[in-house]
């Protein structure tokens, strides 16, 4: 079941306050322009009443304070929506844009998408130091693939459990590189609600992904090996 971005809901709310601020700024600039013009052209023998200017400035100040108060309220509402939505991820198996997987008991799954059919494709698996420790021949068909890895390196060594990153090296029939999209997946074990821009960070063991990057959510792992 695909899910909508949690972070995007807060972003839409914050845009309303920005519109109000821009309108106020434009109106205030216009007011200052008119005021300056009036002062330059007033009759020295009959100067304009300062009380009117003071009243206008006080009005702008009140409006600005109201917008700030509304901005703070909208921020709280947006963060509340993002937080409540993110809590629903706890204990669920999610798939999100990323390039990491956790090797557990000598097994893990790598997920990726190919935009077009490739002539050949290969998964390159890196350890925490960024060193390529294994290369796996991968499916070449258009679409999404899930490839299991037994934790054995290219030299035949059983590698320790832990977090590994990966990338897809795919080429087309014309010999040119093909772009791919990689994903991280796992059961959500924790949530960081203090993330920037109101976009909670989901924790899947040692792997973290932004909630806005989630594309699928399952009650439990439903990812099998590609054929």
Protein backbone atom coordinates (compact mmCIF):
# COMPACT_ATOMS: atom_id res chain seq x y z
CA UNK A 1 0.00 0.00 0.00
CA UNK A 2 1.57 3.25 -1.07
CA UNK A 3 1.56 6.20 1.31
CA UNK A 4 1.64 9.97 0.89
CA UNK A 5 4.52 12.07 2.09
CA UNK A 6 4.13 13.17 5.71
CA UNK A 7 6.49 16.12 5.36
CA UNK A 8 4.66 17.60 2.39
CA UNK A 9 1.50 18.27 4.46
CA UNK A 10 3.39 20.58 6.79
CA UNK A 11 5.04 22.36 3.86
CA UNK A 12 1.66 23.22 2.34
CA UNK A 13 0.45 24.73 5.61
CA UNK A 14 3.56 26.90 6.05
CA UNK A 15 3.08 28.37 2.57
CA UNK A 16 -0.10 30.19 3.71
CA UNK A 17 1.80 32.31 6.24
CA UNK A 18 4.44 33.16 3.67
CA UNK A 19 1.74 34.51 1.34
CA UNK A 20 0.37 36.72 4.11
CA UNK A 21 3.85 38.02 4.93
CA UNK A 22 4.52 38.86 1.30
CA UNK A 23 1.20 40.73 1.01
CA UNK A 24 1.90 42.73 4.16
CA UNK A 25 5.40 43.61 2.94
CA UNK A 26 4.05 44.81 -0.41
CA UNK A 27 1.38 46.92 1.29
CA UNK A 28 3.87 48.40 3.73
CA UNK A 29 6.26 49.32 0.91
CA UNK A 30 3.39 51.03 -0.90
CA UNK A 31 2.44 52.91 2.27
CA UNK A 32 6.00 54.15 2.78
CA UNK A 33 6.19 55.27 -0.84
CA UNK A 34 2.95 57.25 -0.52
CA UNK A 35 4.03 58.68 2.83
CA UNK A 36 7.36 59.83 1.45
CA UNK A 37 5.67 61.42 -1.55
CA UNK A 38 3.16 63.23 0.68
CA UNK A 39 5.89 64.57 2.99
CA UNK A 40 7.88 65.85 0.03
CA UNK A 41 4.89 67.68 -1.41
CA UNK A 42 3.13 68.90 1.74
CA UNK A 43 2.50 72.59 2.38
CA UNK A 44 5.13 73.79 4.90
CA UNK A 45 2.62 76.28 6.30
CA UNK A 46 0.10 73.50 6.89
CA UNK A 47 1.97 70.25 7.64
CA UNK A 48 0.16 66.93 7.68
CA UNK A 49 -1.17 65.49 10.93
CA UNK A 50 1.40 63.10 12.47
CA UNK A 51 -1.36 61.28 14.34
CA UNK A 52 -2.64 59.77 11.09
CA UNK A 53 0.79 58.39 10.22
CA UNK A 54 1.19 56.97 13.72
CA UNK A 55 -2.18 55.28 13.46
CA UNK A 56 -1.26 53.72 10.10
CA UNK A 57 2.07 52.42 11.45
CA UNK A 58 0.34 50.99 14.53
CA UNK A 59 -2.13 49.18 12.29
CA UNK A 60 0.67 47.61 10.26
CA UNK A 61 2.38 46.55 13.48
CA UNK A 62 -0.80 44.86 14.73
CA UNK A 63 -1.26 43.01 11.46
CA UNK A 64 2.38 41.87 11.51
CA UNK A 65 2.01 40.54 15.06
CA UNK A 66 -1.17 38.71 14.09
CA UNK A 67 0.58 37.08 11.14
CA UNK A 68 3.47 35.97 13.36
CA UNK A 69 1.05 34.47 15.89
CA UNK A 70 -0.80 32.68 13.09
CA UNK A 71 2.52 31.51 11.66
CA UNK A 72 3.48 29.93 14.99
CA UNK A 73 0.07 28.26 15.25
CA UNK A 74 0.31 26.86 11.72
CA UNK A 75 3.80 25.55 12.49
CA UNK A 76 2.49 23.71 15.55
CA UNK A 77 -0.44 22.29 13.57
CA UNK A 78 1.85 21.17 10.77
CA UNK A 79 4.30 19.49 13.12
CA UNK A 80 1.43 17.84 14.98
CA UNK A 81 0.06 16.37 11.75
CA UNK A 82 3.51 15.18 10.68
CA UNK A 83 4.18 13.62 14.08
CA UNK A 84 0.83 11.84 14.34
CA UNK A 85 1.22 10.48 10.82
CA UNK A 86 4.77 9.28 11.44
CA UNK A 87 3.80 7.35 14.58
CA UNK A 88 1.75 5.06 12.34
CA UNK A 89 4.99 3.77 10.81
CA UNK A 90 6.19 2.15 14.05
CA UNK A 91 6.45 -1.61 13.69
CA UNK A 92 5.60 -1.47 9.98
CA UNK A 93 7.79 -2.64 7.11
CA UNK A 94 8.50 0.33 4.86
CA UNK A 95 10.24 0.91 1.55
CA UNK A 96 11.84 4.32 1.03
CA UNK A 97 14.33 5.97 -1.29
CA UNK A 98 17.80 5.10 -0.03
CA UNK A 99 20.73 2.81 -0.68
CA UNK A 100 21.28 0.81 2.51
CA UNK A 101 20.26 -2.61 3.77
CA UNK A 102 20.91 -4.52 6.99
CA UNK A 103 22.52 -7.94 6.81
CA UNK A 104 20.98 -10.10 9.54
CA UNK A 105 21.86 -13.76 10.12
CA UNK A 106 23.63 -13.75 6.77
CA UNK A 107 20.72 -12.49 4.66
CA UNK A 108 19.33 -9.21 3.35
CA UNK A 109 17.41 -7.80 0.40
CA UNK A 110 18.40 -5.05 -2.02
CA UNK A 111 15.65 -3.15 -3.86
CA UNK A 112 15.97 -1.05 -6.99
CA UNK A 113 14.10 0.23 -10.05
CA UNK A 114 15.25 0.32 -13.66
CA UNK A 115 13.67 2.94 -15.90
CA UNK A 116 14.33 0.90 -19.04
CA UNK A 117 15.40 -2.65 -19.84
CA UNK A 118 19.15 -3.08 -19.51
CA UNK A 119 21.51 -5.35 -21.38
CA UNK A 120 23.32 -6.12 -18.14
CA UNK A 121 23.08 -5.03 -14.53
CA UNK A 122 25.18 -5.57 -11.45
CA UNK A 123 24.78 -4.77 -7.77
CA UNK A 124 27.88 -3.41 -6.11
CA UNK A 125 27.78 -3.82 -2.33
CA UNK A 126 29.90 -1.63 -0.04
CA UNK A 127 30.82 -1.94 3.62
CA UNK A 128 30.75 0.93 6.13
CA UNK A 129 34.12 2.15 4.81
CA UNK A 130 32.77 2.43 1.27
CA UNK A 131 34.81 -0.50 -0.02
CA UNK A 132 33.14 -2.77 -2.58
CA UNK A 133 32.97 -6.17 -0.92
CA UNK A 134 30.68 -8.03 -3.30
CA UNK A 135 29.25 -7.83 -6.80
CA UNK A 136 26.05 -9.62 -7.83
CA UNK A 137 24.58 -10.11 -11.28
CA UNK A 138 21.16 -8.43 -11.16
CA UNK A 139 17.88 -8.63 -13.12
CA UNK A 140 17.81 -6.40 -16.20
CA UNK A 141 14.08 -6.03 -16.90
CA UNK A 142 12.23 -2.74 -16.70
CA UNK A 143 10.70 -2.11 -13.26
CA UNK A 144 11.37 -2.93 -9.61
CA UNK A 145 13.52 -5.80 -8.41
CA UNK A 146 14.32 -7.35 -5.05
CA UNK A 147 17.57 -9.30 -4.86
CA UNK A 148 18.63 -11.33 -1.82
CA UNK A 149 22.24 -11.47 -0.66
CA UNK A 150 23.72 -14.17 1.57
CA UNK A 151 26.47 -11.98 2.97
CA UNK A 152 29.23 -13.74 1.09
CA UNK A 153 31.91 -11.48 -0.43
CA UNK A 154 33.26 -11.77 -3.96
CA UNK A 155 36.22 -13.67 -2.52
CA UNK A 156 33.95 -16.20 -0.83
CA UNK A 157 34.24 -14.86 2.73
CA UNK A 158 31.23 -14.74 5.06
CA UNK A 159 30.88 -11.08 6.00
CA UNK A 160 29.64 -9.93 9.43
CA UNK A 161 26.08 -8.77 9.99
CA UNK A 162 25.58 -5.03 9.80
CA UNK A 163 24.61 -2.19 7.49
CA UNK A 164 25.77 -2.25 3.87
CA UNK A 165 25.21 0.27 1.09
CA UNK A 166 24.78 -0.58 -2.56
CA UNK A 167 24.49 0.84 -6.05
CA UNK A 168 23.35 -0.47 -9.41
CA UNK A 169 25.65 -0.48 -12.42
CA UNK A 170 23.43 -1.03 -15.47
CA UNK A 171 24.10 -0.50 -19.18
CA UNK A 172 21.71 -0.46 -22.12
CA UNK A 173 21.97 -2.17 -25.45
CA UNK A 174 23.63 0.96 -26.79
CA UNK A 175 26.40 0.61 -24.22
CA UNK A 176 25.32 3.70 -22.26
CA UNK A 177 24.71 3.76 -18.51
CA UNK A 178 21.10 3.42 -17.35
CA UNK A 179 19.80 5.37 -14.37
CA UNK A 180 18.31 3.45 -11.50
CA UNK A 181 16.55 4.22 -8.23
CA UNK A 182 17.61 2.37 -5.11
CA UNK A 183 15.61 1.82 -1.93
CA UNK A 184 16.13 1.06 1.73
CA UNK A 185 13.65 -1.17 3.51
CA UNK A 186 13.00 -2.59 6.93
CA UNK A 187 10.82 -2.52 10.03
CA UNK A 188 10.55 0.93 11.64
CA UNK A 189 11.94 0.71 15.17
CA UNK A 190 12.04 4.41 16.05
CA UNK A 191 11.09 7.91 14.89
CA UNK A 192 12.94 11.22 15.24
CA UNK A 193 10.27 13.92 15.38
CA UNK A 194 12.77 16.77 15.75
CA UNK A 195 13.85 16.68 12.12
CA UNK A 196 14.30 19.82 10.02
CA UNK A 197 11.35 21.17 8.01
CA UNK A 198 8.88 19.00 9.92
CA UNK A 199 9.90 15.85 8.04
CA UNK A 200 10.27 13.05 10.65
CA UNK A 201 13.14 10.61 10.29
CA UNK A 202 12.29 6.92 10.47
CA UNK A 203 14.80 4.59 12.09
CA UNK A 204 15.11 1.02 10.86
CA UNK A 205 17.86 -0.28 13.10
CA UNK A 206 20.96 1.63 12.00
CA UNK A 207 19.30 2.81 8.78
CA UNK A 208 17.48 6.15 8.71
CA UNK A 209 15.18 7.56 6.03
CA UNK A 210 12.99 10.66 5.82
CA UNK A 211 9.27 9.99 6.11
CA UNK A 212 8.71 11.97 2.89
CA UNK A 213 10.86 9.40 1.04
CA UNK A 214 8.60 6.46 1.94
CA UNK A 215 6.89 4.94 -1.09
CA UNK A 216 5.33 1.79 0.39
CA UNK A 217 4.30 0.45 3.78
CA UNK A 218 3.38 -3.09 4.79
CA UNK A 219 2.15 -4.78 7.94
CA UNK A 220 5.20 -7.02 7.74
CA UNK A 221 7.96 -7.90 5.28
CA UNK A 222 6.34 -8.83 1.97
CA UNK A 223 9.42 -8.53 -0.21
CA UNK A 224 10.54 -11.65 -1.97
CA UNK A 225 13.48 -12.45 -4.20
CA UNK A 226 13.39 -11.39 -7.86
CA UNK A 227 13.10 -14.13 -10.38
